[in-house]
Amino acid sequence: QELLLPRDASDGRDVILEVKAGEGGEESALFAGDLLRMYL
C-alpha cells in the first residue's frame, strides 16, 4: 500500500540547498554555518 502511493516525481533528483542568516545578527550567521555543517 505504501509503495503504490503516488510519489513525488522529483524524489530521485539531486538537490541545491541554500542557507541564509536571518534575525539575530552574527549569532544567526554562526547558526547558518552550523546548519551547513549538519547537512554536509
PDB file of all heavy atoms in Angstrom:
ATOM      1  N   GLN A   1       0.835  -1.210   0.000  1.00  0.00           N
ATOM      2  CA  GLN A   1       0.000   0.000   0.000  1.00  0.00           C
ATOM      3  C   GLN A   1       0.863   1.251   0.000  1.00  0.00           C
ATOM      4  O   GLN A   1       0.593   2.214  -0.730  1.00  0.00           O
ATOM      5  CB  GLN A   1      -0.928  -0.003   1.215  1.00  0.00           C
ATOM      6  CG  GLN A   1      -1.909   1.161   1.235  1.00  0.00           C
ATOM      7  CD  GLN A   1      -2.777   1.150   2.472  1.00  0.00           C
ATOM      8  OE1 GLN A   1      -2.318   0.811   3.564  1.00  0.00           O
ATOM      9  NE2 GLN A   1      -4.042   1.505   2.322  1.00  0.00           N
ATOM     10  N   GLU A   2       1.929   1.242   0.804  1.00  0.00           N
ATOM     11  CA  GLU A   2       2.840   2.385   0.851  1.00  0.00           C
ATOM     12  C   GLU A   2       3.590   2.550  -0.472  1.00  0.00           C
ATOM     13  O   GLU A   2       3.733   3.662  -0.991  1.00  0.00           O
ATOM     14  CB  GLU A   2       3.838   2.217   1.996  1.00  0.00           C
ATOM     15  CG  GLU A   2       3.222   2.312   3.379  1.00  0.00           C
ATOM     16  CD  GLU A   2       4.264   2.176   4.481  1.00  0.00           C
ATOM     17  OE1 GLU A   2       5.444   1.948   4.141  1.00  0.00           O
ATOM     18  OE2 GLU A   2       3.899   2.287   5.656  1.00  0.00           O
ATOM     19  N   LEU A   3       4.064   1.428  -1.038  1.00  0.00           N
ATOM     20  CA  LEU A   3       4.829   1.500  -2.275  1.00  0.00           C
ATOM     21  C   LEU A   3       3.998   1.986  -3.451  1.00  0.00           C
ATOM     22  O   LEU A   3       4.529   2.583  -4.395  1.00  0.00           O
ATOM     23  CB  LEU A   3       5.429   0.129  -2.602  1.00  0.00           C
ATOM     24  CG  LEU A   3       6.561  -0.355  -1.693  1.00  0.00           C
ATOM     25  CD1 LEU A   3       6.929  -1.794  -2.017  1.00  0.00           C
ATOM     26  CD2 LEU A   3       7.783   0.538  -1.836  1.00  0.00           C
ATOM     27  N   LEU A   4       2.696   1.737  -3.420  1.00  0.00           N
ATOM     28  CA  LEU A   4       1.823   2.097  -4.532  1.00  0.00           C
ATOM     29  C   LEU A   4       1.219   3.485  -4.390  1.00  0.00           C
ATOM     30  O   LEU A   4       0.461   3.928  -5.256  1.00  0.00           O
ATOM     31  CB  LEU A   4       0.693   1.062  -4.668  1.00  0.00           C
ATOM     32  CG  LEU A   4       1.160  -0.324  -5.141  1.00  0.00           C
ATOM     33  CD1 LEU A   4       0.022  -1.337  -5.037  1.00  0.00           C
ATOM     34  CD2 LEU A   4       1.681  -0.260  -6.573  1.00  0.00           C
ATOM     35  N   LEU A   5       1.539   4.177  -3.301  1.00  0.00           N
ATOM     36  CA  LEU A   5       1.040   5.542  -3.139  1.00  0.00           C
ATOM     37  C   LEU A   5       1.658   6.458  -4.192  1.00  0.00           C
ATOM     38  O   LEU A   5       2.772   6.221  -4.655  1.00  0.00           O
ATOM     39  CB  LEU A   5       1.393   6.062  -1.738  1.00  0.00           C
ATOM     40  CG  LEU A   5       0.611   5.463  -0.567  1.00  0.00           C
ATOM     41  CD1 LEU A   5       1.218   5.940   0.745  1.00  0.00           C
ATOM     42  CD2 LEU A   5      -0.864   5.849  -0.642  1.00  0.00           C
ATOM     43  N   PRO A   6       0.954   7.521  -4.596  1.00  0.00           N
ATOM     44  CA  PRO A   6       1.524   8.484  -5.550  1.00  0.00           C
ATOM     45  C   PRO A   6       2.829   9.056  -5.014  1.00  0.00           C
ATOM     46  O   PRO A   6       2.937   9.389  -3.837  1.00  0.00           O
ATOM     47  CB  PRO A   6       0.444   9.573  -5.642  1.00  0.00           C
ATOM     48  CG  PRO A   6      -0.816   8.896  -5.223  1.00  0.00           C
ATOM     49  CD  PRO A   6      -0.420   7.874  -4.201  1.00  0.00           C
ATOM     50  N   ARG A   7       3.817   9.185  -5.882  1.00  0.00           N
ATOM     51  CA  ARG A   7       5.129   9.614  -5.451  1.00  0.00           C
ATOM     52  C   ARG A   7       5.518  10.932  -6.092  1.00  0.00           C
ATOM     53  O   ARG A   7       5.048  11.294  -7.166  1.00  0.00           O
ATOM     54  CB  ARG A   7       6.178   8.548  -5.784  1.00  0.00           C
ATOM     55  CG  ARG A   7       5.917   7.273  -5.032  1.00  0.00           C
ATOM     56  CD  ARG A   7       7.144   6.381  -4.975  1.00  0.00           C
ATOM     57  NE  ARG A   7       6.860   5.298  -4.047  1.00  0.00           N
ATOM     58  CZ  ARG A   7       7.045   5.380  -2.740  1.00  0.00           C
ATOM     59  NH1 ARG A   7       7.537   6.483  -2.214  1.00  0.00           N
ATOM     60  NH2 ARG A   7       6.742   4.371  -1.951  1.00  0.00           N
ATOM     61  N   ASP A   8       6.372  11.624  -5.409  1.00  0.00           N
ATOM     62  CA  ASP A   8       6.934  12.868  -5.915  1.00  0.00           C
ATOM     63  C   ASP A   8       7.856  12.540  -7.082  1.00  0.00           C
ATOM     64  O   ASP A   8       8.811  11.775  -6.938  1.00  0.00           O
ATOM     65  CB  ASP A   8       7.708  13.555  -4.788  1.00  0.00           C
ATOM     66  CG  ASP A   8       8.198  14.938  -5.168  1.00  0.00           C
ATOM     67  OD1 ASP A   8       8.310  15.212  -6.371  1.00  0.00           O
ATOM     68  OD2 ASP A   8       8.468  15.738  -4.255  1.00  0.00           O
ATOM     69  N   ALA A   9       7.567  13.115  -8.242  1.00  0.00           N
ATOM     70  CA  ALA A   9       8.360  12.816  -9.436  1.00  0.00           C
ATOM     71  C   ALA A   9       9.814  13.245  -9.289  1.00  0.00           C
ATOM     72  O   ALA A   9      10.681  12.767 -10.018  1.00  0.00           O
ATOM     73  CB  ALA A   9       7.738  13.503 -10.651  1.00  0.00           C
ATOM     74  N   SER A  10      10.100  14.127  -8.342  1.00  0.00           N
ATOM     75  CA  SER A  10      11.466  14.631  -8.169  1.00  0.00           C
ATOM     76  C   SER A  10      12.267  13.853  -7.131  1.00  0.00           C
ATOM     77  O   SER A  10      13.408  14.211  -6.839  1.00  0.00           O
ATOM     78  CB  SER A  10      11.430  16.115  -7.757  1.00  0.00           C
ATOM     79  OG  SER A  10      10.865  16.906  -8.776  1.00  0.00           O
ATOM     80  N   ASP A  11      11.685  12.795  -6.546  1.00  0.00           N
ATOM     81  CA  ASP A  11      12.357  12.113  -5.431  1.00  0.00           C
ATOM     82  C   ASP A  11      13.731  11.561  -5.789  1.00  0.00           C
ATOM     83  O   ASP A  11      14.578  11.395  -4.921  1.00  0.00           O
ATOM     84  CB  ASP A  11      11.466  10.987  -4.893  1.00  0.00           C
ATOM     85  CG  ASP A  11      10.513  11.479  -3.818  1.00  0.00           C
ATOM     86  OD1 ASP A  11      10.635  12.649  -3.414  1.00  0.00           O
ATOM     87  OD2 ASP A  11       9.637  10.706  -3.392  1.00  0.00           O
ATOM     88  N   GLY A  12      13.969  11.251  -7.046  1.00  0.00           N
ATOM     89  CA  GLY A  12      15.274  10.715  -7.430  1.00  0.00           C
ATOM     90  C   GLY A  12      16.291  11.783  -7.780  1.00  0.00           C
ATOM     91  O   GLY A  12      17.413  11.455  -8.171  1.00  0.00           O
ATOM     92  N   ARG A  13      15.929  13.052  -7.618  1.00  0.00           N
ATOM     93  CA  ARG A  13      16.802  14.137  -8.054  1.00  0.00           C
ATOM     94  C   ARG A  13      17.850  14.504  -7.002  1.00  0.00           C
ATOM     95  O   ARG A  13      17.711  14.214  -5.835  1.00  0.00           O
ATOM     96  CB  ARG A  13      15.978  15.396  -8.359  1.00  0.00           C
ATOM     97  CG  ARG A  13      15.105  15.287  -9.599  1.00  0.00           C
ATOM     98  CD  ARG A  13      14.407  16.609  -9.838  1.00  0.00           C
ATOM     99  NE  ARG A  13      13.480  16.530 -10.948  1.00  0.00           N
ATOM    100  CZ  ARG A  13      13.822  16.765 -12.217  1.00  0.00           C
ATOM    101  NH1 ARG A  13      15.071  17.089 -12.492  1.00  0.00           N
ATOM    102  NH2 ARG A  13      12.933  16.674 -13.170  1.00  0.00           N
ATOM    103  N   ASP A  14      18.863  15.206  -7.496  1.00  0.00           N
ATOM    104  CA  ASP A  14      19.834  15.845  -6.618  1.00  0.00           C
ATOM    105  C   ASP A  14      19.234  17.151  -6.104  1.00  0.00           C
ATOM    106  O   ASP A  14      18.138  17.544  -6.510  1.00  0.00           O
ATOM    107  CB  ASP A  14      21.135  16.110  -7.371  1.00  0.00           C
ATOM    108  CG  ASP A  14      21.766  14.832  -7.903  1.00  0.00           C
ATOM    109  OD1 ASP A  14      21.593  13.787  -7.262  1.00  0.00           O
ATOM    110  OD2 ASP A  14      22.404  14.880  -8.972  1.00  0.00           O
ATOM    111  N   VAL A  15      19.969  17.819  -5.230  1.00  0.00           N
ATOM    112  CA  VAL A  15      19.410  18.967  -4.510  1.00  0.00           C
ATOM    113  C   VAL A  15      20.360  20.153  -4.558  1.00  0.00           C
ATOM    114  O   VAL A  15      21.587  19.983  -4.533  1.00  0.00           O
ATOM    115  CB  VAL A  15      19.137  18.564  -3.037  1.00  0.00           C
ATOM    116  CG1 VAL A  15      19.093  19.770  -2.121  1.00  0.00           C
ATOM    117  CG2 VAL A  15      17.837  17.785  -2.936  1.00  0.00           C
ATOM    118  N   ILE A  16      19.776  21.339  -4.644  1.00  0.00           N
ATOM    119  CA  ILE A  16      20.509  22.570  -4.357  1.00  0.00           C
ATOM    120  C   ILE A  16      19.884  23.171  -3.108  1.00  0.00           C
ATOM    121  O   ILE A  16      18.677  23.426  -3.068  1.00  0.00           O
ATOM    122  CB  ILE A  16      20.463  23.556  -5.532  1.00  0.00           C
ATOM    123  CG1 ILE A  16      21.345  23.024  -6.672  1.00  0.00           C
ATOM    124  CG2 ILE A  16      20.941  24.933  -5.103  1.00  0.00           C
ATOM    125  CD1 ILE A  16      21.433  23.931  -7.874  1.00  0.00           C
ATOM    126  N   LEU A  17      20.696  23.355  -2.085  1.00  0.00           N
ATOM    127  CA  LEU A  17      20.218  23.780  -0.778  1.00  0.00           C
ATOM    128  C   LEU A  17      20.863  25.119  -0.419  1.00  0.00           C
ATOM    129  O   LEU A  17      22.077  25.276  -0.552  1.00  0.00           O
ATOM    130  CB  LEU A  17      20.552  22.709   0.265  1.00  0.00           C
ATOM    131  CG  LEU A  17      20.056  22.901   1.699  1.00  0.00           C
ATOM    132  CD1 LEU A  17      19.727  21.543   2.325  1.00  0.00           C
ATOM    133  CD2 LEU A  17      21.116  23.599   2.554  1.00  0.00           C
ATOM    134  N   GLU A  18      20.030  26.065   0.002  1.00  0.00           N
ATOM    135  CA  GLU A  18      20.514  27.382   0.394  1.00  0.00           C
ATOM    136  C   GLU A  18      20.217  27.609   1.882  1.00  0.00           C
ATOM    137  O   GLU A  18      19.129  27.282   2.349  1.00  0.00           O
ATOM    138  CB  GLU A  18      19.842  28.488  -0.422  1.00  0.00           C
ATOM    139  CG  GLU A  18      20.133  28.424  -1.912  1.00  0.00           C
ATOM    140  CD  GLU A  18      19.469  29.563  -2.667  1.00  0.00           C
ATOM    141  OE1 GLU A  18      18.996  30.522  -2.012  1.00  0.00           O
ATOM    142  OE2 GLU A  18      19.412  29.498  -3.908  1.00  0.00           O
ATOM    143  N   VAL A  19      21.182  28.159   2.581  1.00  0.00           N
ATOM    144  CA  VAL A  19      21.001  28.549   3.982  1.00  0.00           C
ATOM    145  C   VAL A  19      21.303  30.033   4.084  1.00  0.00           C
ATOM    146  O   VAL A  19      22.358  30.488   3.628  1.00  0.00           O
ATOM    147  CB  VAL A  19      21.926  27.756   4.932  1.00  0.00           C
ATOM    148  CG1 VAL A  19      21.641  28.140   6.385  1.00  0.00           C
ATOM    149  CG2 VAL A  19      21.763  26.254   4.728  1.00  0.00           C
ATOM    150  N   LYS A  20      20.384  30.786   4.675  1.00  0.00           N
ATOM    151  CA  LYS A  20      20.545  32.236   4.796  1.00  0.00           C
ATOM    152  C   LYS A  20      20.356  32.651   6.254  1.00  0.00           C
ATOM    153  O   LYS A  20      19.407  32.207   6.907  1.00  0.00           O
ATOM    154  CB  LYS A  20      19.537  32.971   3.917  1.00  0.00           C
ATOM    155  CG  LYS A  20      19.742  32.766   2.421  1.00  0.00           C
ATOM    156  CD  LYS A  20      18.734  33.562   1.621  1.00  0.00           C
ATOM    157  CE  LYS A  20      18.966  33.385   0.120  1.00  0.00           C
ATOM    158  NZ  LYS A  20      20.232  34.006  -0.321  1.00  0.00           N
ATOM    159  N   ALA A  21      21.253  33.487   6.735  1.00  0.00           N
ATOM    160  CA  ALA A  21      21.104  34.022   8.085  1.00  0.00           C
ATOM    161  C   ALA A  21      19.885  34.923   8.134  1.00  0.00           C
ATOM    162  O   ALA A  21      19.549  35.603   7.161  1.00  0.00           O
ATOM    163  CB  ALA A  21      22.357  34.801   8.482  1.00  0.00           C
ATOM    164  N   GLY A  22      19.198  34.937   9.286  1.00  0.00           N
ATOM    165  CA  GLY A  22      18.013  35.760   9.445  1.00  0.00           C
ATOM    166  C   GLY A  22      18.151  36.697  10.624  1.00  0.00           C
ATOM    167  O   GLY A  22      19.190  37.350  10.800  1.00  0.00           O
ATOM    168  N   GLU A  23      17.121  36.732  11.464  1.00  0.00           N
ATOM    169  CA  GLU A  23      17.164  37.588  12.641  1.00  0.00           C
ATOM    170  C   GLU A  23      18.203  37.059  13.641  1.00  0.00           C
ATOM    171  O   GLU A  23      18.310  35.873  13.858  1.00  0.00           O
ATOM    172  CB  GLU A  23      15.792  37.635  13.299  1.00  0.00           C
ATOM    173  CG  GLU A  23      14.705  38.211  12.410  1.00  0.00           C
ATOM    174  CD  GLU A  23      13.352  38.186  13.100  1.00  0.00           C
ATOM    175  OE1 GLU A  23      13.291  37.743  14.269  1.00  0.00           O
ATOM    176  OE2 GLU A  23      12.374  38.600  12.469  1.00  0.00           O
ATOM    177  N   GLY A  24      18.964  37.967  14.220  1.00  0.00           N
ATOM    178  CA  GLY A  24      19.926  37.547  15.225  1.00  0.00           C
ATOM    179  C   GLY A  24      21.351  37.966  14.939  1.00  0.00           C
ATOM    180  O   GLY A  24      22.259  37.622  15.700  1.00  0.00           O
ATOM    181  N   GLY A  25      21.576  38.697  13.827  1.00  0.00           N
ATOM    182  CA  GLY A  25      22.902  39.223  13.557  1.00  0.00           C
ATOM    183  C   GLY A  25      23.971  38.161  13.399  1.00  0.00           C
ATOM    184  O   GLY A  25      23.779  37.158  12.713  1.00  0.00           O
ATOM    185  N   GLU A  26      25.111  38.357  14.065  1.00  0.00           N
ATOM    186  CA  GLU A  26      26.243  37.442  13.940  1.00  0.00           C
ATOM    187  C   GLU A  26      25.899  36.042  14.448  1.00  0.00           C
ATOM    188  O   GLU A  26      26.356  35.040  13.886  1.00  0.00           O
ATOM    189  CB  GLU A  26      27.441  37.988  14.710  1.00  0.00           C
ATOM    190  CG  GLU A  26      28.731  37.207  14.514  1.00  0.00           C
ATOM    191  CD  GLU A  26      29.256  37.294  13.088  1.00  0.00           C
ATOM    192  OE1 GLU A  26      29.337  38.411  12.560  1.00  0.00           O
ATOM    193  OE2 GLU A  26      29.590  36.223  12.522  1.00  0.00           O
ATOM    194  N   GLU A  27      25.075  35.965  15.483  1.00  0.00           N
ATOM    195  CA  GLU A  27      24.676  34.658  16.008  1.00  0.00           C
ATOM    196  C   GLU A  27      23.890  33.876  14.960  1.00  0.00           C
ATOM    197  O   GLU A  27      24.043  32.668  14.815  1.00  0.00           O
ATOM    198  CB  GLU A  27      23.854  34.830  17.285  1.00  0.00           C
ATOM    199  CG  GLU A  27      23.065  33.598  17.732  1.00  0.00           C
ATOM    200  CD  GLU A  27      23.926  32.393  18.073  1.00  0.00           C
ATOM    201  OE1 GLU A  27      25.176  32.503  18.094  1.00  0.00           O
ATOM    202  OE2 GLU A  27      23.344  31.314  18.312  1.00  0.00           O
ATOM    203  N   SER A  28      23.022  34.562  14.204  1.00  0.00           N
ATOM    204  CA  SER A  28      22.272  33.907  13.145  1.00  0.00           C
ATOM    205  C   SER A  28      23.208  33.379  12.063  1.00  0.00           C
ATOM    206  O   SER A  28      23.008  32.279  11.535  1.00  0.00           O
ATOM    207  CB  SER A  28      21.254  34.879  12.541  1.00  0.00           C
ATOM    208  OG  SER A  28      20.583  34.284  11.458  1.00  0.00           O
ATOM    209  N   ALA A  29      24.238  34.161  11.743  1.00  0.00           N
ATOM    210  CA  ALA A  29      25.206  33.721  10.735  1.00  0.00           C
ATOM    211  C   ALA A  29      25.989  32.499  11.217  1.00  0.00           C
ATOM    212  O   ALA A  29      26.277  31.584  10.445  1.00  0.00           O
ATOM    213  CB  ALA A  29      26.164  34.867  10.403  1.00  0.00           C
ATOM    214  N   LEU A  30      26.340  32.473  12.494  1.00  0.00           N
ATOM    215  CA  LEU A  30      27.026  31.306  13.055  1.00  0.00           C
ATOM    216  C   LEU A  30      26.120  30.084  13.028  1.00  0.00           C
ATOM    217  O   LEU A  30      26.567  28.961  12.744  1.00  0.00           O
ATOM    218  CB  LEU A  30      27.479  31.598  14.484  1.00  0.00           C
ATOM    219  CG  LEU A  30      28.624  32.608  14.626  1.00  0.00           C
ATOM    220  CD1 LEU A  30      28.820  32.986  16.089  1.00  0.00           C
ATOM    221  CD2 LEU A  30      29.908  32.057  14.040  1.00  0.00           C
ATOM    222  N   PHE A  31      24.829  30.292  13.318  1.00  0.00           N
ATOM    223  CA  PHE A  31      23.872  29.184  13.276  1.00  0.00           C
ATOM    224  C   PHE A  31      23.700  28.681  11.845  1.00  0.00           C
ATOM    225  O   PHE A  31      23.583  27.469  11.615  1.00  0.00           O
ATOM    226  CB  PHE A  31      22.532  29.637  13.848  1.00  0.00           C
ATOM    227  CG  PHE A  31      21.462  28.589  13.804  1.00  0.00           C
ATOM    228  CD1 PHE A  31      21.677  27.319  14.314  1.00  0.00           C
ATOM    229  CD2 PHE A  31      20.215  28.869  13.245  1.00  0.00           C
ATOM    230  CE1 PHE A  31      20.686  26.343  14.276  1.00  0.00           C
ATOM    231  CE2 PHE A  31      19.225  27.911  13.204  1.00  0.00           C
ATOM    232  CZ  PHE A  31      19.454  26.651  13.715  1.00  0.00           C
ATOM    233  N   ALA A  32      23.701  29.597  10.874  1.00  0.00           N
ATOM    234  CA  ALA A  32      23.635  29.185   9.470  1.00  0.00           C
ATOM    235  C   ALA A  32      24.822  28.288   9.137  1.00  0.00           C
ATOM    236  O   ALA A  32      24.690  27.289   8.409  1.00  0.00           O
ATOM    237  CB  ALA A  32      23.605  30.404   8.556  1.00  0.00           C
ATOM    238  N   GLY A  33      25.995  28.615   9.679  1.00  0.00           N
ATOM    239  CA  GLY A  33      27.166  27.766   9.482  1.00  0.00           C
ATOM    240  C   GLY A  33      26.995  26.398  10.124  1.00  0.00           C
ATOM    241  O   GLY A  33      27.415  25.374   9.564  1.00  0.00           O
ATOM    242  N   ASP A  34      26.367  26.368  11.302  1.00  0.00           N
ATOM    243  CA  ASP A  34      26.093  25.081  11.964  1.00  0.00           C
ATOM    244  C   ASP A  34      25.157  24.222  11.121  1.00  0.00           C
ATOM    245  O   ASP A  34      25.339  23.006  11.007  1.00  0.00           O
ATOM    246  CB  ASP A  34      25.473  25.323  13.345  1.00  0.00           C
ATOM    247  CG  ASP A  34      26.455  25.937  14.328  1.00  0.00           C
ATOM    248  OD1 ASP A  34      27.674  25.799  14.105  1.00  0.00           O
ATOM    249  OD2 ASP A  34      25.996  26.566  15.309  1.00  0.00           O
ATOM    250  N   LEU A  35      24.120  24.850  10.543  1.00  0.00           N
ATOM    251  CA  LEU A  35      23.182  24.115   9.696  1.00  0.00           C
ATOM    252  C   LEU A  35      23.887  23.570   8.459  1.00  0.00           C
ATOM    253  O   LEU A  35      23.654  22.423   8.053  1.00  0.00           O
ATOM    254  CB  LEU A  35      22.016  25.013   9.280  1.00  0.00           C
ATOM    255  CG  LEU A  35      21.031  25.417  10.382  1.00  0.00           C
ATOM    256  CD1 LEU A  35      19.974  26.369   9.833  1.00  0.00           C
ATOM    257  CD2 LEU A  35      20.353  24.187  10.994  1.00  0.00           C
ATOM    258  N   LEU A  36      24.760  24.385   7.866  1.00  0.00           N
ATOM    259  CA  LEU A  36      25.505  23.919   6.695  1.00  0.00           C
ATOM    260  C   LEU A  36      26.325  22.690   7.042  1.00  0.00           C
ATOM    261  O   LEU A  36      26.282  21.678   6.321  1.00  0.00           O
ATOM    262  CB  LEU A  36      26.421  25.036   6.187  1.00  0.00           C
ATOM    263  CG  LEU A  36      27.418  24.611   5.097  1.00  0.00           C
ATOM    264  CD1 LEU A  36      26.692  24.200   3.830  1.00  0.00           C
ATOM    265  CD2 LEU A  36      28.425  25.717   4.821  1.00  0.00           C
ATOM    266  N   ARG A  37      27.067  22.746   8.153  1.00  0.00           N
ATOM    267  CA  ARG A  37      27.873  21.584   8.547  1.00  0.00           C
ATOM    268  C   ARG A  37      27.002  20.378   8.855  1.00  0.00           C
ATOM    269  O   ARG A  37      27.377  19.235   8.563  1.00  0.00           O
ATOM    270  CB  ARG A  37      28.748  21.958   9.753  1.00  0.00           C
ATOM    271  CG  ARG A  37      29.933  22.854   9.381  1.00  0.00           C
ATOM    272  CD  ARG A  37      30.844  23.111  10.566  1.00  0.00           C
ATOM    273  NE  ARG A  37      30.220  24.017  11.537  1.00  0.00           N
ATOM    274  CZ  ARG A  37      30.279  25.329  11.450  1.00  0.00           C
ATOM    275  NH1 ARG A  37      30.910  25.901  10.443  1.00  0.00           N
ATOM    276  NH2 ARG A  37      29.706  26.090  12.369  1.00  0.00           N
ATOM    277  N   MET A  38      25.824  20.600   9.430  1.00  0.00           N
ATOM    278  CA  MET A  38      24.907  19.496   9.712  1.00  0.00           C
ATOM    279  C   MET A  38      24.495  18.790   8.422  1.00  0.00           C
ATOM    280  O   MET A  38      24.522  17.549   8.340  1.00  0.00           O
ATOM    281  CB  MET A  38      23.669  20.033  10.440  1.00  0.00           C
ATOM    282  CG  MET A  38      22.624  18.978  10.755  1.00  0.00           C
ATOM    283  SD  MET A  38      21.169  19.680  11.597  1.00  0.00           S
ATOM    284  CE  MET A  38      20.368  20.530  10.215  1.00  0.00           C
ATOM    285  N   TYR A  39      24.159  19.563   7.398  1.00  0.00           N
ATOM    286  CA  TYR A  39      23.748  18.961   6.131  1.00  0.00           C
ATOM    287  C   TYR A  39      24.922  18.311   5.405  1.00  0.00           C
ATOM    288  O   TYR A  39      24.759  17.252   4.778  1.00  0.00           O
ATOM    289  CB  TYR A  39      23.085  20.015   5.247  1.00  0.00           C
ATOM    290  CG  TYR A  39      21.762  20.493   5.786  1.00  0.00           C
ATOM    291  CD1 TYR A  39      21.503  21.844   5.974  1.00  0.00           C
ATOM    292  CD2 TYR A  39      20.769  19.586   6.139  1.00  0.00           C
ATOM    293  CE1 TYR A  39      20.296  22.288   6.482  1.00  0.00           C
ATOM    294  CE2 TYR A  39      19.558  20.008   6.646  1.00  0.00           C
ATOM    295  CZ  TYR A  39      19.321  21.360   6.825  1.00  0.00           C
ATOM    296  OH  TYR A  39      18.120  21.784   7.335  1.00  0.00           O
ATOM    297  N   LEU A  40      26.115  18.897   5.504  1.00  0.00           N
ATOM    298  CA  LEU A  40      27.282  18.294   4.875  1.00  0.00           C
ATOM    299  C   LEU A  40      27.610  16.947   5.522  1.00  0.00           C
ATOM    300  O   LEU A  40      27.940  15.973   4.828  1.00  0.00           O
ATOM    301  CB  LEU A  40      28.489  19.233   4.976  1.00  0.00           C
ATOM    302  CG  LEU A  40      28.410  20.540   4.169  1.00  0.00           C
ATOM    303  CD1 LEU A  40      29.657  21.385   4.407  1.00  0.00           C
ATOM    304  CD2 LEU A  40      28.218  20.272   2.688  1.00  0.00           C
TER     305      LEU A  40
END
